[in-house]
N, C-alpha and C. Protein backbone atom coordinates (compact mmCIF):
# COMPACT_ATOMS: atom_id res chain seq x y z
N UNK A 1 205.04 36.61 206.96
CA UNK A 1 205.98 36.01 207.88
C UNK A 1 205.52 36.28 209.31
N UNK A 2 205.52 35.29 210.13
CA UNK A 2 205.08 35.42 211.52
C UNK A 2 206.24 35.85 212.41
N UNK A 3 205.91 36.64 213.42
CA UNK A 3 206.89 37.09 214.41
C UNK A 3 206.31 36.81 215.79
N UNK A 4 207.12 36.34 216.72
CA UNK A 4 206.67 36.19 218.09
C UNK A 4 206.65 37.57 218.73
N UNK A 5 205.58 37.86 219.47
CA UNK A 5 205.41 39.20 220.02
C UNK A 5 206.56 39.60 220.93
N UNK A 6 207.07 38.67 221.72
CA UNK A 6 208.18 38.98 222.62
C UNK A 6 209.43 39.40 221.88
N UNK A 7 209.59 38.94 220.66
CA UNK A 7 210.77 39.28 219.87
C UNK A 7 210.69 40.67 219.26
N UNK A 8 209.53 41.29 219.27
CA UNK A 8 209.36 42.63 218.71
C UNK A 8 209.82 43.69 219.70
N UNK A 9 209.62 43.43 220.98
CA UNK A 9 210.01 44.41 222.01
C UNK A 9 211.51 44.68 221.93
N UNK A 10 211.86 45.95 222.06
CA UNK A 10 213.26 46.34 222.04
C UNK A 10 213.81 46.66 220.66
N UNK A 11 213.04 46.39 219.62
CA UNK A 11 213.53 46.70 218.27
C UNK A 11 213.44 48.20 217.99
N UNK A 12 214.43 48.70 217.27
CA UNK A 12 214.45 50.10 216.88
C UNK A 12 213.37 50.37 215.84
N UNK A 13 212.79 51.56 215.91
CA UNK A 13 211.80 52.01 214.93
C UNK A 13 212.45 53.15 214.14
N UNK A 14 212.46 53.00 212.81
CA UNK A 14 213.14 53.96 211.94
C UNK A 14 212.14 54.47 210.91
N UNK A 15 212.07 55.80 210.76
CA UNK A 15 211.15 56.40 209.79
C UNK A 15 211.68 56.23 208.37
N UNK A 16 210.83 56.50 207.39
CA UNK A 16 211.21 56.36 205.98
C UNK A 16 212.34 57.32 205.61
N UNK A 17 212.47 58.42 206.34
CA UNK A 17 213.58 59.35 206.08
C UNK A 17 214.77 59.11 207.00
N UNK A 18 214.86 57.88 207.53
CA UNK A 18 216.02 57.37 208.29
C UNK A 18 216.23 58.01 209.65
N UNK A 19 215.18 58.55 210.27
CA UNK A 19 215.29 59.06 211.63
C UNK A 19 214.98 57.92 212.59
N UNK A 20 215.89 57.67 213.53
CA UNK A 20 215.61 56.64 214.54
C UNK A 20 214.63 57.24 215.55
N UNK A 21 213.41 56.73 215.53
CA UNK A 21 212.32 57.26 216.35
C UNK A 21 212.44 56.80 217.79
N UNK A 22 212.71 55.54 218.00
CA UNK A 22 212.79 54.99 219.35
C UNK A 22 212.79 53.48 219.30
N UNK A 23 212.22 52.85 220.36
CA UNK A 23 212.16 51.40 220.39
C UNK A 23 210.82 50.92 220.90
N UNK A 24 210.45 49.73 220.45
CA UNK A 24 209.17 49.13 220.83
C UNK A 24 209.23 48.68 222.29
N UNK A 25 208.23 49.12 223.09
CA UNK A 25 208.16 48.70 224.49
C UNK A 25 206.96 47.81 224.76
N UNK A 26 205.94 47.85 223.90
CA UNK A 26 204.77 47.01 224.11
C UNK A 26 203.97 46.89 222.82
N UNK A 27 203.00 46.02 222.85
CA UNK A 27 202.16 45.74 221.69
C UNK A 27 200.71 45.91 222.11
N UNK A 28 199.91 46.60 221.29
CA UNK A 28 198.50 46.82 221.59
C UNK A 28 197.68 45.90 220.69
N UNK A 29 196.88 45.03 221.32
CA UNK A 29 196.08 44.05 220.59
C UNK A 29 194.60 44.35 220.78
N UNK A 30 193.88 44.36 219.67
CA UNK A 30 192.42 44.49 219.70
C UNK A 30 191.89 43.09 220.00
N UNK A 31 191.18 42.93 221.14
CA UNK A 31 190.87 41.59 221.64
C UNK A 31 189.65 40.92 221.02
N UNK A 32 188.83 41.64 220.28
CA UNK A 32 187.69 40.99 219.63
C UNK A 32 188.17 40.13 218.46
N UNK A 33 188.95 40.72 217.58
CA UNK A 33 189.47 40.00 216.42
C UNK A 33 190.89 39.46 216.66
N UNK A 34 191.48 39.76 217.81
CA UNK A 34 192.84 39.36 218.14
C UNK A 34 193.82 39.78 217.05
N UNK A 35 193.81 41.09 216.82
CA UNK A 35 194.67 41.65 215.79
C UNK A 35 195.52 42.75 216.42
N UNK A 36 196.79 42.80 216.03
CA UNK A 36 197.68 43.85 216.54
C UNK A 36 197.24 45.18 215.92
N UNK A 37 196.90 46.15 216.77
CA UNK A 37 196.50 47.47 216.29
C UNK A 37 197.67 48.42 216.17
N UNK A 38 198.55 48.37 217.17
CA UNK A 38 199.66 49.31 217.18
C UNK A 38 200.79 48.78 218.05
N UNK A 39 201.93 49.43 217.92
CA UNK A 39 203.08 49.15 218.76
C UNK A 39 203.30 50.37 219.63
N UNK A 40 203.52 50.16 220.90
CA UNK A 40 203.84 51.28 221.78
C UNK A 40 205.34 51.52 221.69
N UNK A 41 205.70 52.74 221.34
CA UNK A 41 207.10 53.09 221.09
C UNK A 41 207.56 54.12 222.10
N UNK A 42 208.70 53.84 222.73
CA UNK A 42 209.35 54.83 223.60
C UNK A 42 210.22 55.68 222.70
N UNK A 43 209.90 56.97 222.63
CA UNK A 43 210.54 57.86 221.66
C UNK A 43 211.89 58.36 222.19
N UNK A 44 212.85 58.46 221.28
CA UNK A 44 214.16 59.01 221.62
C UNK A 44 214.04 60.52 221.85
N UNK A 45 214.88 61.03 222.69
CA UNK A 45 214.86 62.46 223.03
C UNK A 45 215.00 63.33 221.79
N UNK A 46 215.93 62.99 220.90
CA UNK A 46 216.18 63.82 219.72
C UNK A 46 215.06 63.72 218.69
N UNK A 47 214.25 62.67 218.75
CA UNK A 47 213.15 62.50 217.78
C UNK A 47 211.83 63.04 218.31
N UNK A 48 211.71 63.19 219.63
CA UNK A 48 210.43 63.56 220.25
C UNK A 48 209.87 64.87 219.69
N UNK A 49 210.68 65.90 219.65
CA UNK A 49 210.21 67.20 219.17
C UNK A 49 209.87 67.14 217.68
N UNK A 50 210.68 66.42 216.93
CA UNK A 50 210.48 66.35 215.48
C UNK A 50 209.14 65.70 215.12
N UNK A 51 208.71 64.71 215.93
CA UNK A 51 207.44 64.04 215.62
C UNK A 51 206.29 64.49 216.52
N UNK A 52 206.57 65.42 217.44
CA UNK A 52 205.51 66.00 218.25
C UNK A 52 205.03 65.16 219.42
N UNK A 53 205.94 64.39 220.01
CA UNK A 53 205.60 63.59 221.18
C UNK A 53 206.25 64.23 222.40
N UNK A 54 205.45 64.51 223.43
CA UNK A 54 206.01 65.15 224.62
C UNK A 54 206.70 64.11 225.50
N UNK A 55 207.73 64.57 226.18
CA UNK A 55 208.49 63.73 227.10
C UNK A 55 208.51 64.40 228.46
N UNK A 56 208.54 63.59 229.50
CA UNK A 56 208.69 64.13 230.84
C UNK A 56 210.15 64.42 231.12
N UNK A 57 210.40 65.14 232.21
CA UNK A 57 211.77 65.47 232.57
C UNK A 57 212.56 64.21 232.93
N UNK A 58 211.92 63.31 233.66
CA UNK A 58 212.62 62.12 234.12
C UNK A 58 212.25 60.84 233.37
N UNK A 59 211.33 60.94 232.44
CA UNK A 59 210.94 59.73 231.71
C UNK A 59 210.70 60.06 230.25
N UNK A 60 210.92 59.08 229.43
CA UNK A 60 210.70 59.25 228.01
C UNK A 60 209.23 59.20 227.65
N UNK A 61 208.87 59.84 226.57
CA UNK A 61 207.50 59.80 226.10
C UNK A 61 207.26 58.55 225.27
N UNK A 62 206.01 58.15 225.21
CA UNK A 62 205.64 57.01 224.38
C UNK A 62 204.46 57.40 223.50
N UNK A 63 204.29 56.67 222.42
CA UNK A 63 203.13 56.86 221.56
C UNK A 63 202.79 55.52 220.93
N UNK A 64 201.55 55.41 220.48
CA UNK A 64 201.11 54.20 219.80
C UNK A 64 201.29 54.38 218.30
N UNK A 65 202.07 53.50 217.71
CA UNK A 65 202.37 53.52 216.29
C UNK A 65 201.41 52.57 215.57
N UNK A 66 200.50 53.11 214.74
CA UNK A 66 199.57 52.22 214.01
C UNK A 66 200.34 51.28 213.09
N UNK A 67 199.93 50.02 213.04
CA UNK A 67 200.63 49.05 212.22
C UNK A 67 200.56 49.39 210.73
N UNK A 68 199.59 50.20 210.35
CA UNK A 68 199.46 50.60 208.94
C UNK A 68 200.66 51.40 208.46
N UNK A 69 201.42 51.98 209.38
CA UNK A 69 202.59 52.79 209.00
C UNK A 69 203.88 51.97 208.91
N UNK A 70 203.78 50.67 209.19
CA UNK A 70 204.97 49.82 209.16
C UNK A 70 205.18 49.25 207.76
N UNK A 71 206.38 49.47 207.25
CA UNK A 71 206.74 48.93 205.93
C UNK A 71 207.33 47.53 206.06
N UNK A 72 208.27 47.35 207.01
CA UNK A 72 208.90 46.05 207.16
C UNK A 72 209.36 45.83 208.60
N UNK A 73 209.45 44.56 208.95
CA UNK A 73 209.94 44.16 210.27
C UNK A 73 211.10 43.21 210.06
N UNK A 74 212.24 43.62 210.56
CA UNK A 74 213.45 42.79 210.49
C UNK A 74 214.20 43.00 211.80
N UNK A 75 215.49 43.25 211.70
CA UNK A 75 216.26 43.58 212.90
C UNK A 75 215.76 44.87 213.52
N UNK A 76 215.18 45.72 212.69
CA UNK A 76 214.52 46.94 213.15
C UNK A 76 213.18 47.05 212.41
N UNK A 77 212.37 47.98 212.85
CA UNK A 77 211.06 48.19 212.23
C UNK A 77 211.15 49.47 211.41
N UNK A 78 210.95 49.33 210.12
CA UNK A 78 211.06 50.45 209.19
C UNK A 78 209.66 50.90 208.81
N UNK A 79 209.45 52.21 208.89
CA UNK A 79 208.14 52.78 208.59
C UNK A 79 208.03 53.17 207.12
N UNK A 80 206.81 53.20 206.64
CA UNK A 80 206.55 53.69 205.28
C UNK A 80 206.36 55.20 205.30
N UNK A 81 206.32 55.80 206.49
CA UNK A 81 206.08 57.23 206.67
C UNK A 81 207.37 57.93 207.09
N UNK A 82 207.56 59.14 206.57
CA UNK A 82 208.69 59.97 207.00
C UNK A 82 208.36 60.52 208.39
N UNK A 83 209.33 61.16 209.02
CA UNK A 83 209.09 61.74 210.35
C UNK A 83 208.01 62.82 210.29
N UNK A 84 207.95 63.58 209.21
CA UNK A 84 206.91 64.60 209.05
C UNK A 84 205.54 63.96 208.89
N UNK A 85 205.46 62.91 208.08
CA UNK A 85 204.19 62.20 207.89
C UNK A 85 203.74 61.53 209.19
N UNK A 86 204.69 61.00 209.96
CA UNK A 86 204.36 60.40 211.25
C UNK A 86 203.81 61.47 212.19
N UNK A 87 204.45 62.63 212.24
CA UNK A 87 203.97 63.73 213.08
C UNK A 87 202.53 64.09 212.70
N UNK A 88 202.26 64.24 211.39
CA UNK A 88 200.92 64.59 210.94
C UNK A 88 199.91 63.51 211.32
N UNK A 89 200.29 62.26 211.21
CA UNK A 89 199.42 61.14 211.58
C UNK A 89 199.10 61.17 213.07
N UNK A 90 200.10 61.45 213.90
CA UNK A 90 199.89 61.50 215.34
C UNK A 90 199.00 62.68 215.73
N UNK A 91 199.17 63.82 215.06
CA UNK A 91 198.32 64.99 215.33
C UNK A 91 196.88 64.68 214.95
N UNK A 92 196.66 64.05 213.80
CA UNK A 92 195.31 63.68 213.38
C UNK A 92 194.67 62.70 214.37
N UNK A 93 195.44 61.73 214.85
CA UNK A 93 194.92 60.76 215.81
C UNK A 93 194.55 61.44 217.12
N UNK A 94 195.36 62.42 217.53
CA UNK A 94 195.08 63.15 218.76
C UNK A 94 193.80 63.95 218.64
N UNK A 95 193.60 64.60 217.50
CA UNK A 95 192.38 65.38 217.28
C UNK A 95 191.16 64.47 217.21
N UNK A 96 191.30 63.31 216.58
CA UNK A 96 190.19 62.37 216.48
C UNK A 96 189.80 61.85 217.85
N UNK A 97 190.81 61.57 218.69
CA UNK A 97 190.53 61.08 220.05
C UNK A 97 189.87 62.16 220.91
N UNK A 98 190.27 63.41 220.70
CA UNK A 98 189.68 64.53 221.47
C UNK A 98 188.24 64.77 221.05
N UNK A 99 187.90 64.45 219.82
CA UNK A 99 186.55 64.67 219.31
C UNK A 99 185.55 63.61 219.74
N UNK A 100 186.02 62.52 220.34
CA UNK A 100 185.12 61.44 220.75
C UNK A 100 184.33 61.80 221.97
């Protein structure tokens, strides 16, 4: 099913264990193959610590959510990963980026 990119922004992101992670603020597209790589998510204050995303005092933290972790897209975006699995995925991505 196709979705218009503008319609994805603002949708809630919910983990497999029903934690509301935050909302989509942008979309990251790989421009060679024109494929969506990830969604940029503004994390909720109560979810930030649980998934290991830092937040500023005056601004919310964001992270890139790989599309591979998305189970379904409807009124909200439901992940196939629990909040713990998401945290582990983000830590692995951070270590991989630091190793480059």
